Every structure is written in C-alpha cells, then in structure tokens.
C-alpha cells in the first residue's frame, strides 16, 4: 500500500474532493482519502493498494484544480503495522499480569 499526504498552506487553493476528483484518483489506484485541517491549513491523506506514488502529480491536480501553489507533498518513508497482543507474560501494554491480578499497586508503581 502506498500513502502520500498533501499539505496545503494558508495561501494554497481549497481542496476539491467531488465526483470528478474521486474518479481521477481511482484511476491512479487511490482508494481512500482523508481530509485533515487546523488553523494553519489542510492536509489530504491519499492511500491505496494500487496507488503508484510516481503519479502523485495527477492526484495533486485532481484535488487542487485551481492551482498547486503552496501544496507540499509528503511521501511514505516507512509503514508499520501495530497490534495489541495478550500473553501469559503480560497484558496489552506490557505490564506483568501477576501484579495486576493480585491487585498490587497501580500502573505507576509496577
């Protein structure tokens, strides 16, 4: 899976994620889009199993049709999958089970 993030600063055009943009993004393998925002600007996360990051320019033009000035592109560097597991040795956050089972102490004293 490839992931990219477009960061639009305050002087950038507004992102557009309508049917036309969605169709263009799907054509280059993007299957999921997330829009993030704060007072400084907007971020657009693009991801897809078939997404070819070398075609990011198509994605940028699809989402920012009024111009790409002020849009930064972040490429994935590393993808890591994490999962909580339970074992006889510890709980999901790694604390020893016997102390928790016996009710001795709180998380700060283990």
C-alpha atoms as a PDB file:
ATOM      1  CA  UNK A   1       0.000   0.000   0.000  1.00  0.00           C
ATOM      2  CA  UNK A   2       1.244   3.462  -0.840  1.00  0.00           C
ATOM      3  CA  UNK A   3       0.380   6.571   1.156  1.00  0.00           C
ATOM      4  CA  UNK A   4       1.003  10.240   0.446  1.00  0.00           C
ATOM      5  CA  UNK A   5      -0.055  13.408   2.212  1.00  0.00           C
ATOM      6  CA  UNK A   6      -0.695  16.743   0.578  1.00  0.00           C
ATOM      7  CA  UNK A   7      -0.291  19.710   2.906  1.00  0.00           C
ATOM      8  CA  UNK A   8      -1.882  22.936   1.762  1.00  0.00           C
ATOM      9  CA  UNK A   9      -0.686  26.070   3.464  1.00  0.00           C
ATOM     10  CA  UNK A  10      -2.861  29.116   4.097  1.00  0.00           C
ATOM     11  CA  UNK A  11      -2.057  30.585   0.664  1.00  0.00           C
ATOM     12  CA  UNK A  12      -2.985  27.395  -1.239  1.00  0.00           C
ATOM     13  CA  UNK A  13      -6.210  26.823  -3.143  1.00  0.00           C
ATOM     14  CA  UNK A  14      -9.051  24.934  -1.470  1.00  0.00           C
ATOM     15  CA  UNK A  15      -9.013  21.152  -1.969  1.00  0.00           C
ATOM     16  CA  UNK A  16     -11.821  19.626  -4.020  1.00  0.00           C
ATOM     17  CA  UNK A  17     -12.965  16.072  -3.440  1.00  0.00           C
ATOM     18  CA  UNK A  18     -16.036  15.740  -5.638  1.00  0.00           C
ATOM     19  CA  UNK A  19     -17.079  13.003  -8.080  1.00  0.00           C
ATOM     20  CA  UNK A  20     -14.688  14.157 -10.818  1.00  0.00           C
ATOM     21  CA  UNK A  21     -11.697  14.235  -8.462  1.00  0.00           C
ATOM     22  CA  UNK A  22     -12.690  10.866  -6.983  1.00  0.00           C
ATOM     23  CA  UNK A  23     -12.815   9.323 -10.463  1.00  0.00           C
ATOM     24  CA  UNK A  24      -9.375  10.670 -11.369  1.00  0.00           C
ATOM     25  CA  UNK A  25      -7.942   9.439  -8.057  1.00  0.00           C
ATOM     26  CA  UNK A  26      -9.466   5.983  -8.510  1.00  0.00           C
ATOM     27  CA  UNK A  27      -7.870   5.779 -11.970  1.00  0.00           C
ATOM     28  CA  UNK A  28      -4.413   6.042 -10.400  1.00  0.00           C
ATOM     29  CA  UNK A  29      -5.145   3.475  -7.677  1.00  0.00           C
ATOM     30  CA  UNK A  30      -6.174   5.688  -4.768  1.00  0.00           C
ATOM     31  CA  UNK A  31      -8.941   4.003  -2.803  1.00  0.00           C
ATOM     32  CA  UNK A  32      -9.119   6.130   0.334  1.00  0.00           C
ATOM     33  CA  UNK A  33      -8.905   9.853   1.089  1.00  0.00           C
ATOM     34  CA  UNK A  34      -8.847  11.640   4.442  1.00  0.00           C
ATOM     35  CA  UNK A  35      -9.058  15.410   4.873  1.00  0.00           C
ATOM     36  CA  UNK A  36      -7.396  16.895   7.965  1.00  0.00           C
ATOM     37  CA  UNK A  37      -7.346  20.546   8.975  1.00  0.00           C
ATOM     38  CA  UNK A  38      -6.247  23.028  11.597  1.00  0.00           C
ATOM     39  CA  UNK A  39      -5.884  26.795  11.722  1.00  0.00           C
ATOM     40  CA  UNK A  40      -2.720  26.687   9.583  1.00  0.00           C
ATOM     41  CA  UNK A  41      -4.054  24.723   6.638  1.00  0.00           C
ATOM     42  CA  UNK A  42      -5.404  21.487   5.224  1.00  0.00           C
ATOM     43  CA  UNK A  43      -3.881  18.040   4.833  1.00  0.00           C
ATOM     44  CA  UNK A  44      -5.109  15.412   2.403  1.00  0.00           C
ATOM     45  CA  UNK A  45      -4.065  11.799   3.009  1.00  0.00           C
ATOM     46  CA  UNK A  46      -4.185   9.548  -0.054  1.00  0.00           C
ATOM     47  CA  UNK A  47      -3.766   5.799   0.072  1.00  0.00           C
ATOM     48  CA  UNK A  48      -4.380   2.720  -1.997  1.00  0.00           C
ATOM     49  CA  UNK A  49      -3.001  -0.732  -2.690  1.00  0.00           C
ATOM     50  CA  UNK A  50      -2.752   0.054  -6.407  1.00  0.00           C
ATOM     51  CA  UNK A  51      -1.583   3.656  -5.901  1.00  0.00           C
ATOM     52  CA  UNK A  52       1.595   4.418  -7.816  1.00  0.00           C
ATOM     53  CA  UNK A  53       3.286   7.321  -5.989  1.00  0.00           C
ATOM     54  CA  UNK A  54       5.121   8.333  -9.172  1.00  0.00           C
ATOM     55  CA  UNK A  55       1.728   9.627 -10.382  1.00  0.00           C
ATOM     56  CA  UNK A  56       1.261  11.957  -7.400  1.00  0.00           C
ATOM     57  CA  UNK A  57       1.147  14.947  -9.759  1.00  0.00           C
ATOM     58  CA  UNK A  58      -2.165  13.638 -11.149  1.00  0.00           C
ATOM     59  CA  UNK A  59      -3.550  13.399  -7.612  1.00  0.00           C
ATOM     60  CA  UNK A  60      -2.423  16.913  -6.711  1.00  0.00           C
ATOM     61  CA  UNK A  61      -4.073  18.390  -9.812  1.00  0.00           C
ATOM     62  CA  UNK A  62      -7.269  16.396  -9.150  1.00  0.00           C
ATOM     63  CA  UNK A  63      -7.596  17.664  -5.575  1.00  0.00           C
ATOM     64  CA  UNK A  64      -6.296  21.191  -6.198  1.00  0.00           C
ATOM     65  CA  UNK A  65      -7.675  22.023  -9.662  1.00  0.00           C
ATOM     66  CA  UNK A  66      -7.359  25.777  -9.038  1.00  0.00           C
ATOM     67  CA  UNK A  67      -3.595  25.545  -8.648  1.00  0.00           C
ATOM     68  CA  UNK A  68      -0.947  23.676  -6.729  1.00  0.00           C
ATOM     69  CA  UNK A  69       0.976  26.686  -5.388  1.00  0.00           C
ATOM     70  CA  UNK A  70       1.537  26.269  -1.644  1.00  0.00           C
ATOM     71  CA  UNK A  71       0.919  22.495  -1.647  1.00  0.00           C
ATOM     72  CA  UNK A  72       3.626  20.292  -0.122  1.00  0.00           C
ATOM     73  CA  UNK A  73       3.830  16.560  -0.812  1.00  0.00           C
ATOM     74  CA  UNK A  74       4.919  14.086   1.863  1.00  0.00           C
ATOM     75  CA  UNK A  75       5.786  10.574   0.677  1.00  0.00           C
ATOM     76  CA  UNK A  76       5.681   7.492   2.855  1.00  0.00           C
ATOM     77  CA  UNK A  77       9.035   6.556   4.300  1.00  0.00           C
ATOM     78  CA  UNK A  78       8.023   3.589   6.409  1.00  0.00           C
ATOM     79  CA  UNK A  79       4.774   1.781   7.119  1.00  0.00           C
ATOM     80  CA  UNK A  80       4.496  -0.160  10.371  1.00  0.00           C
ATOM     81  CA  UNK A  81       1.602  -2.310  11.500  1.00  0.00           C
ATOM     82  CA  UNK A  82       1.000  -2.444  15.248  1.00  0.00           C
ATOM     83  CA  UNK A  83      -1.318  -4.691  17.208  1.00  0.00           C
ATOM     84  CA  UNK A  84      -2.132  -5.213  20.850  1.00  0.00           C
ATOM     85  CA  UNK A  85      -1.452  -8.761  21.942  1.00  0.00           C
ATOM     86  CA  UNK A  86      -2.103 -10.634  25.130  1.00  0.00           C
ATOM     87  CA  UNK A  87       0.165 -13.308  26.529  1.00  0.00           C
ATOM     88  CA  UNK A  88       0.720 -15.182  29.745  1.00  0.00           C
ATOM     89  CA  UNK A  89       3.657 -12.877  30.491  1.00  0.00           C
ATOM     90  CA  UNK A  90       1.869  -9.537  30.274  1.00  0.00           C
ATOM     91  CA  UNK A  91      -1.191  -7.590  29.315  1.00  0.00           C
ATOM     92  CA  UNK A  92      -1.743  -5.491  26.188  1.00  0.00           C
ATOM     93  CA  UNK A  93       0.558  -2.711  27.402  1.00  0.00           C
ATOM     94  CA  UNK A  94       3.292  -4.996  28.680  1.00  0.00           C
ATOM     95  CA  UNK A  95       2.620  -4.884  32.416  1.00  0.00           C
ATOM     96  CA  UNK A  96       3.205  -8.142  34.296  1.00  0.00           C
ATOM     97  CA  UNK A  97      -0.066  -9.981  34.824  1.00  0.00           C
ATOM     98  CA  UNK A  98       0.528 -11.309  38.306  1.00  0.00           C
ATOM     99  CA  UNK A  99       0.811  -7.817  39.836  1.00  0.00           C
ATOM    100  CA  UNK A 100      -2.399  -6.765  38.125  1.00  0.00           C
ATOM    101  CA  UNK A 101      -4.207  -9.982  39.021  1.00  0.00           C
ATOM    102  CA  UNK A 102      -3.257  -9.642  42.680  1.00  0.00           C
ATOM    103  CA  UNK A 103      -4.386  -6.008  42.761  1.00  0.00           C
ATOM    104  CA  UNK A 104      -0.974  -4.844  43.966  1.00  0.00           C
ATOM    105  CA  UNK A 105      -0.151  -1.280  43.067  1.00  0.00           C
ATOM    106  CA  UNK A 106      -1.268   0.866  40.244  1.00  0.00           C
ATOM    107  CA  UNK A 107       0.220   1.197  36.791  1.00  0.00           C
ATOM    108  CA  UNK A 108       2.667   3.807  38.071  1.00  0.00           C
ATOM    109  CA  UNK A 109       4.156   1.501  40.694  1.00  0.00           C
ATOM    110  CA  UNK A 110       4.716  -1.572  38.534  1.00  0.00           C
END
